[in-house]
């Protein structure tokens, strides 16, 4: 009887995974979207090239496209929203700028500016921003008052090797994991290039992920409330390769334990996100994968190209964004 129940469970899981589909909600010219912030099942913000920001307050039924005045030539690689009216957007370099709106995108104020040569911001998360190394040391800053002001942080072991940096592929190579029980926050970020590593608070860990060239390494990290994490990446010049493009880990206090998948995502992946405690989605140039066993095995559900995916912070809906201004929704199995 036990074997029969296990077999039925496996068949149902297989059918449910195959039934999930990606539904395109909108597209906009040739805009490349890499920033995505989903507050709940209704409020969605996205950002990208040509100074563009998209916003929906009805679950993606309608999107308002906003051109940020004075920044029409800038690429906003990440966005962090607080509600339907308030959000931060990040322009990565020359110079690096973070803007804030409090009126749904009608007006924007400059809350961060840095024209240091070599400055290149990569990602924001929960009041922190990470940037590529300057003088061989990663740039890190924290904010207060929901991004109103920023200050540079000095943390041990921010030094990196020559050719090691971060990818601003989806604004998700930085993760601040909050532990509400102990009122603590742990800082994680992943690097790529000639060296690919995981930074956890004050420690650095080598990753068993493809690396050695400027196009290789980790791109994205996500962590669930059970202290399990998933890292994805690969080589975006060989985007169909499944070689060492995903690493799993658990952490407890100061200890990190790594695990490799049994079935890897189907190509280079620029973003990963937990859907539930045990299910995940990841996306990249060659498609979208789903895992229902905490990242051990991945199933390709779409060959559509997307840069970023995100689950609602307060909700269950999952959205994706990518080239040609496409924003899509993961449709659950019936």
C-alpha atoms as a PDB file:
ATOM      1  CA  UNK A   1       0.000   0.000   0.000  1.00  0.00           C
ATOM      2  CA  UNK A   2       2.840   2.381   0.895  1.00  0.00           C
ATOM      3  CA  UNK A   3       4.495   1.806  -2.493  1.00  0.00           C
ATOM      4  CA  UNK A   4       1.201   2.446  -4.284  1.00  0.00           C
ATOM      5  CA  UNK A   5       0.673   5.731  -2.414  1.00  0.00           C
ATOM      6  CA  UNK A   6       4.227   6.846  -3.205  1.00  0.00           C
ATOM      7  CA  UNK A   7       3.715   5.989  -6.881  1.00  0.00           C
ATOM      8  CA  UNK A   8       0.434   7.925  -6.991  1.00  0.00           C
ATOM      9  CA  UNK A   9       2.092  10.912  -5.301  1.00  0.00           C
ATOM     10  CA  UNK A  10       4.930  10.834  -7.844  1.00  0.00           C
ATOM     11  CA  UNK A  11       2.520  10.674 -10.788  1.00  0.00           C
ATOM     12  CA  UNK A  12       0.408  13.547  -9.440  1.00  0.00           C
ATOM     13  CA  UNK A  13       3.515  15.672  -8.820  1.00  0.00           C
ATOM     14  CA  UNK A  14       4.736  14.965 -12.361  1.00  0.00           C
ATOM     15  CA  UNK A  15       1.359  15.912 -13.853  1.00  0.00           C
ATOM     16  CA  UNK A  16       1.092  19.109 -11.802  1.00  0.00           C
ATOM     17  CA  UNK A  17       4.589  20.216 -12.788  1.00  0.00           C
ATOM     18  CA  UNK A  18       3.903  19.608 -16.473  1.00  0.00           C
ATOM     19  CA  UNK A  19       0.591  21.485 -16.225  1.00  0.00           C
ATOM     20  CA  UNK A  20       2.180  24.742 -15.097  1.00  0.00           C
ATOM     21  CA  UNK A  21       2.437  27.315 -17.870  1.00  0.00           C
ATOM     22  CA  UNK A  22       3.773  30.813 -18.483  1.00  0.00           C
ATOM     23  CA  UNK A  23       1.219  33.425 -19.582  1.00  0.00           C
ATOM     24  CA  UNK A  24       2.492  36.658 -21.179  1.00  0.00           C
ATOM     25  CA  UNK A  25       0.652  39.647 -19.684  1.00  0.00           C
ATOM     26  CA  UNK A  26       2.277  42.553 -21.517  1.00  0.00           C
ATOM     27  CA  UNK A  27       5.201  43.601 -23.718  1.00  0.00           C
ATOM     28  CA  UNK A  28       6.744  46.967 -24.493  1.00  0.00           C
ATOM     29  CA  UNK A  29       8.924  47.739 -27.526  1.00  0.00           C
ATOM     30  CA  UNK A  30      12.491  46.438 -27.176  1.00  0.00           C
ATOM     31  CA  UNK A  31      12.871  47.214 -23.486  1.00  0.00           C
ATOM     32  CA  UNK A  32      15.013  44.806 -21.461  1.00  0.00           C
ATOM     33  CA  UNK A  33      13.527  44.268 -18.000  1.00  0.00           C
ATOM     34  CA  UNK A  34      15.815  43.017 -15.219  1.00  0.00           C
ATOM     35  CA  UNK A  35      14.247  44.545 -12.103  1.00  0.00           C
ATOM     36  CA  UNK A  36      11.108  42.990 -10.614  1.00  0.00           C
ATOM     37  CA  UNK A  37       9.408  43.551  -7.250  1.00  0.00           C
ATOM     38  CA  UNK A  38       6.068  41.934  -6.402  1.00  0.00           C
ATOM     39  CA  UNK A  39       4.453  43.237  -3.224  1.00  0.00           C
ATOM     40  CA  UNK A  40       1.329  41.064  -3.257  1.00  0.00           C
ATOM     41  CA  UNK A  41      -0.929  39.366  -5.774  1.00  0.00           C
ATOM     42  CA  UNK A  42      -1.980  42.772  -7.147  1.00  0.00           C
ATOM     43  CA  UNK A  43       0.986  45.171  -6.904  1.00  0.00           C
ATOM     44  CA  UNK A  44       3.791  44.541  -9.399  1.00  0.00           C
ATOM     45  CA  UNK A  45       6.726  46.818 -10.274  1.00  0.00           C
ATOM     46  CA  UNK A  46       9.347  46.203 -12.983  1.00  0.00           C
ATOM     47  CA  UNK A  47      12.268  48.252 -14.304  1.00  0.00           C
ATOM     48  CA  UNK A  48      14.650  48.153 -17.221  1.00  0.00           C
ATOM     49  CA  UNK A  49      16.404  49.878 -20.076  1.00  0.00           C
ATOM     50  CA  UNK A  50      15.601  53.253 -21.683  1.00  0.00           C
ATOM     51  CA  UNK A  51      14.545  54.653 -18.312  1.00  0.00           C
ATOM     52  CA  UNK A  52      11.446  52.459 -18.201  1.00  0.00           C
ATOM     53  CA  UNK A  53       9.374  51.392 -15.194  1.00  0.00           C
ATOM     54  CA  UNK A  54       6.179  49.306 -15.330  1.00  0.00           C
ATOM     55  CA  UNK A  55       3.539  49.175 -12.611  1.00  0.00           C
ATOM     56  CA  UNK A  56       0.342  47.212 -12.118  1.00  0.00           C
ATOM     57  CA  UNK A  57      -2.076  47.458  -9.205  1.00  0.00           C
ATOM     58  CA  UNK A  58      -4.548  44.839 -10.421  1.00  0.00           C
ATOM     59  CA  UNK A  59      -2.475  41.669 -10.653  1.00  0.00           C
ATOM     60  CA  UNK A  60      -1.130  42.317 -14.139  1.00  0.00           C
ATOM     61  CA  UNK A  61      -4.430  42.904 -15.916  1.00  0.00           C
ATOM     62  CA  UNK A  62      -3.197  46.393 -16.794  1.00  0.00           C
ATOM     63  CA  UNK A  63       0.290  47.918 -16.710  1.00  0.00           C
ATOM     64  CA  UNK A  64       1.264  51.569 -16.628  1.00  0.00           C
ATOM     65  CA  UNK A  65       4.549  52.239 -18.427  1.00  0.00           C
ATOM     66  CA  UNK A  66       6.544  55.127 -16.991  1.00  0.00           C
ATOM     67  CA  UNK A  67       9.511  56.893 -18.581  1.00  0.00           C
ATOM     68  CA  UNK A  68      11.629  58.423 -15.809  1.00  0.00           C
ATOM     69  CA  UNK A  69      12.290  61.996 -16.963  1.00  0.00           C
ATOM     70  CA  UNK A  70      15.961  62.875 -17.325  1.00  0.00           C
ATOM     71  CA  UNK A  71      16.965  59.220 -17.243  1.00  0.00           C
ATOM     72  CA  UNK A  72      15.698  58.066 -20.640  1.00  0.00           C
ATOM     73  CA  UNK A  73      19.100  56.583 -21.526  1.00  0.00           C
ATOM     74  CA  UNK A  74      19.639  54.778 -18.230  1.00  0.00           C
ATOM     75  CA  UNK A  75      19.219  51.085 -17.461  1.00  0.00           C
ATOM     76  CA  UNK A  76      17.408  50.439 -14.182  1.00  0.00           C
ATOM     77  CA  UNK A  77      18.674  46.948 -13.367  1.00  0.00           C
ATOM     78  CA  UNK A  78      16.849  46.564 -10.054  1.00  0.00           C
ATOM     79  CA  UNK A  79      13.753  47.824  -8.295  1.00  0.00           C
ATOM     80  CA  UNK A  80      12.523  47.473  -4.717  1.00  0.00           C
ATOM     81  CA  UNK A  81       8.914  48.406  -4.015  1.00  0.00           C
ATOM     82  CA  UNK A  82       7.284  49.155  -0.662  1.00  0.00           C
ATOM     83  CA  UNK A  83       3.675  49.619  -1.732  1.00  0.00           C
ATOM     84  CA  UNK A  84       1.565  50.730  -4.694  1.00  0.00           C
ATOM     85  CA  UNK A  85       3.086  54.228  -4.631  1.00  0.00           C
ATOM     86  CA  UNK A  86       6.578  53.846  -3.185  1.00  0.00           C
ATOM     87  CA  UNK A  87       9.596  52.246  -4.854  1.00  0.00           C
ATOM     88  CA  UNK A  88      13.357  52.509  -5.396  1.00  0.00           C
ATOM     89  CA  UNK A  89      15.045  52.028  -8.782  1.00  0.00           C
ATOM     90  CA  UNK A  90      18.754  51.487  -9.374  1.00  0.00           C
ATOM     91  CA  UNK A  91      20.749  52.767 -12.379  1.00  0.00           C
ATOM     92  CA  UNK A  92      23.961  50.805 -12.318  1.00  0.00           C
ATOM     93  CA  UNK A  93      26.809  53.050 -13.495  1.00  0.00           C
ATOM     94  CA  UNK A  94      28.201  56.274 -15.026  1.00  0.00           C
ATOM     95  CA  UNK A  95      27.211  57.424 -12.454  1.00  0.00           C
ATOM     96  CA  UNK A  96      25.477  54.958 -10.145  1.00  0.00           C
ATOM     97  CA  UNK A  97      22.122  56.374  -9.035  1.00  0.00           C
ATOM     98  CA  UNK A  98      19.201  55.242  -6.881  1.00  0.00           C
ATOM     99  CA  UNK A  99      15.893  57.101  -7.290  1.00  0.00           C
ATOM    100  CA  UNK A 100      12.763  56.983  -5.157  1.00  0.00           C
ATOM    101  CA  UNK A 101       9.116  57.651  -5.910  1.00  0.00           C
ATOM    102  CA  UNK A 102       6.321  58.189  -3.415  1.00  0.00           C
ATOM    103  CA  UNK A 103       3.546  58.926  -5.880  1.00  0.00           C
ATOM    104  CA  UNK A 104       3.374  55.849  -8.079  1.00  0.00           C
ATOM    105  CA  UNK A 105       6.143  56.935 -10.450  1.00  0.00           C
ATOM    106  CA  UNK A 106       4.927  60.430 -11.328  1.00  0.00           C
ATOM    107  CA  UNK A 107       7.999  62.030  -9.733  1.00  0.00           C
ATOM    108  CA  UNK A 108      11.370  60.672  -8.630  1.00  0.00           C
ATOM    109  CA  UNK A 109      13.962  62.003  -6.187  1.00  0.00           C
ATOM    110  CA  UNK A 110      17.647  61.129  -6.100  1.00  0.00           C
ATOM    111  CA  UNK A 111      18.550  59.315  -2.859  1.00  0.00           C
ATOM    112  CA  UNK A 112      21.958  57.876  -3.876  1.00  0.00           C
ATOM    113  CA  UNK A 113      24.628  59.141  -6.250  1.00  0.00           C
ATOM    114  CA  UNK A 114      28.217  57.970  -6.790  1.00  0.00           C
ATOM    115  CA  UNK A 115      30.413  58.893  -9.748  1.00  0.00           C
ATOM    116  CA  UNK A 116      33.528  57.099  -8.482  1.00  0.00           C
ATOM    117  CA  UNK A 117      35.387  55.613 -11.481  1.00  0.00           C
ATOM    118  CA  UNK A 118      34.519  51.929 -11.743  1.00  0.00           C
ATOM    119  CA  UNK A 119      31.340  52.202  -9.678  1.00  0.00           C
ATOM    120  CA  UNK A 120      28.772  49.648 -10.864  1.00  0.00           C
ATOM    121  CA  UNK A 121      25.799  48.621  -8.726  1.00  0.00           C
ATOM    122  CA  UNK A 122      24.406  45.097  -9.051  1.00  0.00           C
ATOM    123  CA  UNK A 123      21.477  44.486  -6.715  1.00  0.00           C
ATOM    124  CA  UNK A 124      19.331  45.791  -3.851  1.00  0.00           C
ATOM    125  CA  UNK A 125      17.591  43.836  -1.107  1.00  0.00           C
ATOM    126  CA  UNK A 126      16.010  44.804   2.209  1.00  0.00           C
ATOM    127  CA  UNK A 127      17.879  48.074   2.592  1.00  0.00           C
ATOM    128  CA  UNK A 128      21.261  46.993   1.199  1.00  0.00           C
ATOM    129  CA  UNK A 129      22.934  47.540  -2.167  1.00  0.00           C
ATOM    130  CA  UNK A 130      25.927  45.621  -3.536  1.00  0.00           C
ATOM    131  CA  UNK A 131      28.315  46.854  -6.211  1.00  0.00           C
ATOM    132  CA  UNK A 132      31.303  45.605  -8.180  1.00  0.00           C
ATOM    133  CA  UNK A 133      34.742  45.869  -6.570  1.00  0.00           C
ATOM    134  CA  UNK A 134      36.617  49.146  -6.357  1.00  0.00           C
ATOM    135  CA  UNK A 135      40.284  48.746  -5.480  1.00  0.00           C
ATOM    136  CA  UNK A 136      39.657  44.975  -5.227  1.00  0.00           C
ATOM    137  CA  UNK A 137      36.945  45.355  -2.569  1.00  0.00           C
ATOM    138  CA  UNK A 138      33.216  44.874  -3.093  1.00  0.00           C
ATOM    139  CA  UNK A 139      31.073  47.962  -2.609  1.00  0.00           C
ATOM    140  CA  UNK A 140      28.330  47.618   0.007  1.00  0.00           C
ATOM    141  CA  UNK A 141      25.956  50.263   1.370  1.00  0.00           C
ATOM    142  CA  UNK A 142      22.928  50.210   3.651  1.00  0.00           C
ATOM    143  CA  UNK A 143      19.939  52.504   3.839  1.00  0.00           C
ATOM    144  CA  UNK A 144      17.585  53.942   6.418  1.00  0.00           C
ATOM    145  CA  UNK A 145      14.073  55.360   6.231  1.00  0.00           C
ATOM    146  CA  UNK A 146      13.066  53.076   3.347  1.00  0.00           C
ATOM    147  CA  UNK A 147      15.979  54.157   1.178  1.00  0.00           C
ATOM    148  CA  UNK A 148      15.916  57.877   1.946  1.00  0.00           C
ATOM    149  CA  UNK A 149      19.607  57.875   2.899  1.00  0.00           C
ATOM    150  CA  UNK A 150      22.552  55.538   2.290  1.00  0.00           C
ATOM    151  CA  UNK A 151      25.904  54.901   3.938  1.00  0.00           C
ATOM    152  CA  UNK A 152      28.869  52.784   2.906  1.00  0.00           C
ATOM    153  CA  UNK A 153      29.414  49.652   4.975  1.00  0.00           C
ATOM    154  CA  UNK A 154      32.772  48.240   6.004  1.00  0.00           C
ATOM    155  CA  UNK A 155      32.659  44.450   6.451  1.00  0.00           C
ATOM    156  CA  UNK A 156      35.440  41.919   6.763  1.00  0.00           C
ATOM    157  CA  UNK A 157      36.300  39.719   3.780  1.00  0.00           C
ATOM    158  CA  UNK A 158      34.870  42.002   1.094  1.00  0.00           C
ATOM    159  CA  UNK A 159      38.143  41.693  -0.827  1.00  0.00           C
ATOM    160  CA  UNK A 160      37.880  39.751  -4.091  1.00  0.00           C
ATOM    161  CA  UNK A 161      40.301  38.289  -6.587  1.00  0.00           C
ATOM    162  CA  UNK A 162      41.216  39.776  -9.959  1.00  0.00           C
ATOM    163  CA  UNK A 163      38.323  39.230 -12.379  1.00  0.00           C
ATOM    164  CA  UNK A 164      35.813  38.425  -9.647  1.00  0.00           C
ATOM    165  CA  UNK A 165      32.687  40.592  -9.453  1.00  0.00           C
ATOM    166  CA  UNK A 166      28.874  40.369  -9.476  1.00  0.00           C
ATOM    167  CA  UNK A 167      26.347  40.142 -12.286  1.00  0.00           C
ATOM    168  CA  UNK A 168      23.559  42.717 -12.536  1.00  0.00           C
ATOM    169  CA  UNK A 169      21.493  40.176 -14.445  1.00  0.00           C
ATOM    170  CA  UNK A 170      18.356  40.211 -12.292  1.00  0.00           C
ATOM    171  CA  UNK A 171      19.045  42.217  -9.148  1.00  0.00           C
ATOM    172  CA  UNK A 172      19.096  38.991  -7.133  1.00  0.00           C
ATOM    173  CA  UNK A 173      22.729  38.181  -6.350  1.00  0.00           C
ATOM    174  CA  UNK A 174      22.194  39.795  -2.935  1.00  0.00           C
ATOM    175  CA  UNK A 175      19.914  38.365  -0.242  1.00  0.00           C
ATOM    176  CA  UNK A 176      19.234  39.633   3.254  1.00  0.00           C
ATOM    177  CA  UNK A 177      17.705  36.737   5.191  1.00  0.00           C
ATOM    178  CA  UNK A 178      15.615  37.939   8.106  1.00  0.00           C
ATOM    179  CA  UNK A 179      15.151  35.803  11.218  1.00  0.00           C
ATOM    180  CA  UNK A 180      12.136  37.324  12.969  1.00  0.00           C
ATOM    181  CA  UNK A 181      12.398  34.899  15.890  1.00  0.00           C
ATOM    182  CA  UNK A 182      15.810  36.240  16.910  1.00  0.00           C
ATOM    183  CA  UNK A 183      15.481  39.693  15.295  1.00  0.00           C
ATOM    184  CA  UNK A 184      18.601  39.039  13.219  1.00  0.00           C
ATOM    185  CA  UNK A 185      19.545  39.575   9.580  1.00  0.00           C
ATOM    186  CA  UNK A 186      22.136  37.562   7.671  1.00  0.00           C
ATOM    187  CA  UNK A 187      23.746  39.010   4.565  1.00  0.00           C
ATOM    188  CA  UNK A 188      24.422  36.776   1.548  1.00  0.00           C
ATOM    189  CA  UNK A 189      25.748  37.574  -1.904  1.00  0.00           C
ATOM    190  CA  UNK A 190      27.302  35.581  -4.740  1.00  0.00           C
ATOM    191  CA  UNK A 191      30.109  36.497  -7.117  1.00  0.00           C
ATOM    192  CA  UNK A 192      31.100  35.311 -10.559  1.00  0.00           C
ATOM    193  CA  UNK A 193      33.754  35.704 -13.230  1.00  0.00           C
ATOM    194  CA  UNK A 194      37.187  34.207 -12.724  1.00  0.00           C
ATOM    195  CA  UNK A 195      36.077  33.180  -9.248  1.00  0.00           C
ATOM    196  CA  UNK A 196      32.570  32.317  -8.022  1.00  0.00           C
ATOM    197  CA  UNK A 197      31.939  32.435  -4.280  1.00  0.00           C
ATOM    198  CA  UNK A 198      29.250  32.791  -1.647  1.00  0.00           C
ATOM    199  CA  UNK A 199      29.623  35.542   0.942  1.00  0.00           C
ATOM    200  CA  UNK A 200      27.819  34.798   4.211  1.00  0.00           C
ATOM    201  CA  UNK A 201      28.167  37.531   6.822  1.00  0.00           C
ATOM    202  CA  UNK A 202      31.960  37.560   7.397  1.00  0.00           C
ATOM    203  CA  UNK A 203      32.863  34.343   5.560  1.00  0.00           C
ATOM    204  CA  UNK A 204      33.554  33.422   1.925  1.00  0.00           C
ATOM    205  CA  UNK A 205      32.881  29.971   0.436  1.00  0.00           C
ATOM    206  CA  UNK A 206      34.044  28.612  -2.916  1.00  0.00           C
ATOM    207  CA  UNK A 207      31.134  27.468  -5.089  1.00  0.00           C
ATOM    208  CA  UNK A 208      31.030  24.311  -7.181  1.00  0.00           C
ATOM    209  CA  UNK A 209      29.662  26.271 -10.115  1.00  0.00           C
ATOM    210  CA  UNK A 210      31.164  26.928 -13.554  1.00  0.00           C
ATOM    211  CA  UNK A 211      33.714  29.753 -13.349  1.00  0.00           C
ATOM    212  CA  UNK A 212      37.049  30.969 -14.703  1.00  0.00           C
ATOM    213  CA  UNK A 213      35.828  33.395 -17.383  1.00  0.00           C
ATOM    214  CA  UNK A 214      34.153  36.795 -17.126  1.00  0.00           C
ATOM    215  CA  UNK A 215      30.900  35.289 -18.477  1.00  0.00           C
ATOM    216  CA  UNK A 216      30.695  32.491 -15.907  1.00  0.00           C
ATOM    217  CA  UNK A 217      29.647  32.047 -12.303  1.00  0.00           C
ATOM    218  CA  UNK A 218      26.745  32.583  -9.930  1.00  0.00           C
ATOM    219  CA  UNK A 219      24.027  35.082 -10.859  1.00  0.00           C
ATOM    220  CA  UNK A 220      21.254  34.708  -8.302  1.00  0.00           C
ATOM    221  CA  UNK A 221      20.501  33.470  -4.788  1.00  0.00           C
ATOM    222  CA  UNK A 222      17.329  32.897  -2.794  1.00  0.00           C
ATOM    223  CA  UNK A 223      16.716  31.553   0.707  1.00  0.00           C
ATOM    224  CA  UNK A 224      13.575  30.246   2.394  1.00  0.00           C
ATOM    225  CA  UNK A 225      12.506  30.521   6.031  1.00  0.00           C
ATOM    226  CA  UNK A 226      13.858  27.028   6.757  1.00  0.00           C
ATOM    227  CA  UNK A 227      17.430  28.252   6.153  1.00  0.00           C
ATOM    228  CA  UNK A 228      17.719  26.491   2.804  1.00  0.00           C
ATOM    229  CA  UNK A 229      19.260  28.302  -0.142  1.00  0.00           C
ATOM    230  CA  UNK A 230      19.614  27.894  -3.903  1.00  0.00           C
ATOM    231  CA  UNK A 231      22.160  29.553  -6.201  1.00  0.00           C
ATOM    232  CA  UNK A 232      21.953  29.549 -10.010  1.00  0.00           C
ATOM    233  CA  UNK A 233      24.159  30.832 -12.821  1.00  0.00           C
ATOM    234  CA  UNK A 234      26.280  29.281 -15.543  1.00  0.00           C
ATOM    235  CA  UNK A 235      27.895  30.740 -18.649  1.00  0.00           C
ATOM    236  CA  UNK A 236      25.675  33.188 -20.545  1.00  0.00           C
ATOM    237  CA  UNK A 237      27.801  32.771 -23.685  1.00  0.00           C
ATOM    238  CA  UNK A 238      26.931  29.051 -23.604  1.00  0.00           C
ATOM    239  CA  UNK A 239      23.369  29.480 -22.425  1.00  0.00           C
ATOM    240  CA  UNK A 240      22.177  25.939 -23.192  1.00  0.00           C
ATOM    241  CA  UNK A 241      24.860  24.255 -21.081  1.00  0.00           C
ATOM    242  CA  UNK A 242      23.689  22.541 -17.882  1.00  0.00           C
ATOM    243  CA  UNK A 243      27.216  22.150 -16.521  1.00  0.00           C
ATOM    244  CA  UNK A 244      27.497  23.265 -12.877  1.00  0.00           C
ATOM    245  CA  UNK A 245      24.789  25.926 -13.113  1.00  0.00           C
ATOM    246  CA  UNK A 246      23.159  25.343  -9.717  1.00  0.00           C
ATOM    247  CA  UNK A 247      24.231  24.834  -6.088  1.00  0.00           C
ATOM    248  CA  UNK A 248      22.077  24.113  -3.038  1.00  0.00           C
ATOM    249  CA  UNK A 249      22.962  24.846   0.580  1.00  0.00           C
ATOM    250  CA  UNK A 250      21.714  24.904   4.135  1.00  0.00           C
ATOM    251  CA  UNK A 251      22.990  27.049   6.961  1.00  0.00           C
ATOM    252  CA  UNK A 252      22.718  26.967  10.715  1.00  0.00           C
ATOM    253  CA  UNK A 253      24.379  29.761  12.594  1.00  0.00           C
ATOM    254  CA  UNK A 254      27.840  29.998  11.080  1.00  0.00           C
ATOM    255  CA  UNK A 255      27.854  26.654   9.266  1.00  0.00           C
ATOM    256  CA  UNK A 256      27.196  26.287   5.520  1.00  0.00           C
ATOM    257  CA  UNK A 257      26.583  22.841   3.999  1.00  0.00           C
ATOM    258  CA  UNK A 258      26.500  22.498   0.207  1.00  0.00           C
ATOM    259  CA  UNK A 259      24.620  20.014  -1.961  1.00  0.00           C
ATOM    260  CA  UNK A 260      24.461  19.540  -5.722  1.00  0.00           C
ATOM    261  CA  UNK A 261      21.282  18.874  -7.733  1.00  0.00           C
ATOM    262  CA  UNK A 262      20.551  15.490  -9.246  1.00  0.00           C
ATOM    263  CA  UNK A 263      18.962  17.099 -12.318  1.00  0.00           C
ATOM    264  CA  UNK A 264      20.247  20.585 -13.162  1.00  0.00           C
ATOM    265  CA  UNK A 265      18.281  23.494 -14.667  1.00  0.00           C
ATOM    266  CA  UNK A 266      18.200  23.353 -18.452  1.00  0.00           C
ATOM    267  CA  UNK A 267      20.757  26.029 -19.256  1.00  0.00           C
ATOM    268  CA  UNK A 268      22.225  29.272 -17.946  1.00  0.00           C
ATOM    269  CA  UNK A 269      19.922  30.805 -15.343  1.00  0.00           C
ATOM    270  CA  UNK A 270      19.974  34.450 -14.243  1.00  0.00           C
ATOM    271  CA  UNK A 271      17.376  34.248 -11.449  1.00  0.00           C
ATOM    272  CA  UNK A 272      15.936  31.824  -8.908  1.00  0.00           C
ATOM    273  CA  UNK A 273      13.072  32.239  -6.414  1.00  0.00           C
ATOM    274  CA  UNK A 274      11.301  30.094  -3.850  1.00  0.00           C
ATOM    275  CA  UNK A 275       7.589  29.638  -4.542  1.00  0.00           C
ATOM    276  CA  UNK A 276       6.927  27.624  -1.381  1.00  0.00           C
ATOM    277  CA  UNK A 277       9.289  26.199   1.227  1.00  0.00           C
ATOM    278  CA  UNK A 278      10.024  23.261  -1.075  1.00  0.00           C
ATOM    279  CA  UNK A 279       9.275  24.482  -4.609  1.00  0.00           C
ATOM    280  CA  UNK A 280      11.275  26.866  -6.777  1.00  0.00           C
ATOM    281  CA  UNK A 281      11.329  28.594 -10.123  1.00  0.00           C
ATOM    282  CA  UNK A 282      14.367  29.725 -12.104  1.00  0.00           C
ATOM    283  CA  UNK A 283      14.682  31.453 -15.467  1.00  0.00           C
ATOM    284  CA  UNK A 284      17.231  32.487 -18.041  1.00  0.00           C
ATOM    285  CA  UNK A 285      17.918  32.942 -21.722  1.00  0.00           C
ATOM    286  CA  UNK A 286      16.812  29.420 -22.679  1.00  0.00           C
ATOM    287  CA  UNK A 287      13.702  29.009 -20.584  1.00  0.00           C
ATOM    288  CA  UNK A 288      12.008  28.466 -17.245  1.00  0.00           C
ATOM    289  CA  UNK A 289      12.472  25.552 -14.829  1.00  0.00           C
ATOM    290  CA  UNK A 290      10.463  24.387 -11.817  1.00  0.00           C
ATOM    291  CA  UNK A 291      11.629  22.241  -8.903  1.00  0.00           C
ATOM    292  CA  UNK A 292       9.267  20.638  -6.412  1.00  0.00           C
ATOM    293  CA  UNK A 293      11.928  19.004  -4.241  1.00  0.00           C
ATOM    294  CA  UNK A 294      13.907  21.992  -2.924  1.00  0.00           C
ATOM    295  CA  UNK A 295      16.121  22.217  -6.019  1.00  0.00           C
ATOM    296  CA  UNK A 296      17.293  18.613  -6.281  1.00  0.00           C
ATOM    297  CA  UNK A 297      15.573  18.073  -9.630  1.00  0.00           C
ATOM    298  CA  UNK A 298      14.487  20.641 -12.218  1.00  0.00           C
ATOM    299  CA  UNK A 299      11.831  20.362 -14.930  1.00  0.00           C
ATOM    300  CA  UNK A 300      11.746  22.661 -17.976  1.00  0.00           C
ATOM    301  CA  UNK A 301       8.229  24.102 -18.340  1.00  0.00           C
ATOM    302  CA  UNK A 302       8.876  26.779 -20.977  1.00  0.00           C
ATOM    303  CA  UNK A 303      11.552  27.703 -23.500  1.00  0.00           C
ATOM    304  CA  UNK A 304      10.581  31.391 -23.276  1.00  0.00           C
ATOM    305  CA  UNK A 305      13.477  33.695 -22.348  1.00  0.00           C
ATOM    306  CA  UNK A 306      13.214  35.711 -19.110  1.00  0.00           C
ATOM    307  CA  UNK A 307      15.763  37.609 -17.008  1.00  0.00           C
ATOM    308  CA  UNK A 308      14.053  37.701 -13.634  1.00  0.00           C
ATOM    309  CA  UNK A 309      11.315  35.970 -11.631  1.00  0.00           C
ATOM    310  CA  UNK A 310       9.740  36.802  -8.269  1.00  0.00           C
ATOM    311  CA  UNK A 311       7.025  35.544  -5.952  1.00  0.00           C
ATOM    312  CA  UNK A 312       4.701  37.974  -4.207  1.00  0.00           C
ATOM    313  CA  UNK A 313       6.112  38.976  -0.822  1.00  0.00           C
ATOM    314  CA  UNK A 314       2.612  38.799   0.634  1.00  0.00           C
ATOM    315  CA  UNK A 315       0.788  36.388  -1.638  1.00  0.00           C
ATOM    316  CA  UNK A 316       1.202  33.327  -3.816  1.00  0.00           C
ATOM    317  CA  UNK A 317       1.503  34.697  -7.349  1.00  0.00           C
ATOM    318  CA  UNK A 318       4.731  34.386  -9.354  1.00  0.00           C
ATOM    319  CA  UNK A 319       5.708  36.799 -12.126  1.00  0.00           C
ATOM    320  CA  UNK A 320       8.573  36.951 -14.643  1.00  0.00           C
ATOM    321  CA  UNK A 321      10.088  39.715 -16.781  1.00  0.00           C
ATOM    322  CA  UNK A 322      12.607  39.901 -19.602  1.00  0.00           C
ATOM    323  CA  UNK A 323      13.382  41.094 -23.102  1.00  0.00           C
ATOM    324  CA  UNK A 324      10.977  43.117 -25.264  1.00  0.00           C
ATOM    325  CA  UNK A 325       9.345  44.416 -22.100  1.00  0.00           C
ATOM    326  CA  UNK A 326       7.619  41.096 -21.508  1.00  0.00           C
ATOM    327  CA  UNK A 327       6.029  40.503 -18.132  1.00  0.00           C
ATOM    328  CA  UNK A 328       4.472  37.094 -17.524  1.00  0.00           C
ATOM    329  CA  UNK A 329       2.648  35.132 -14.860  1.00  0.00           C
ATOM    330  CA  UNK A 330       3.197  31.551 -13.737  1.00  0.00           C
ATOM    331  CA  UNK A 331      -0.163  29.879 -14.129  1.00  0.00           C
ATOM    332  CA  UNK A 332      -0.790  27.142 -11.533  1.00  0.00           C
ATOM    333  CA  UNK A 333      -1.931  23.700 -12.503  1.00  0.00           C
ATOM    334  CA  UNK A 334      -5.717  23.316 -12.637  1.00  0.00           C
END
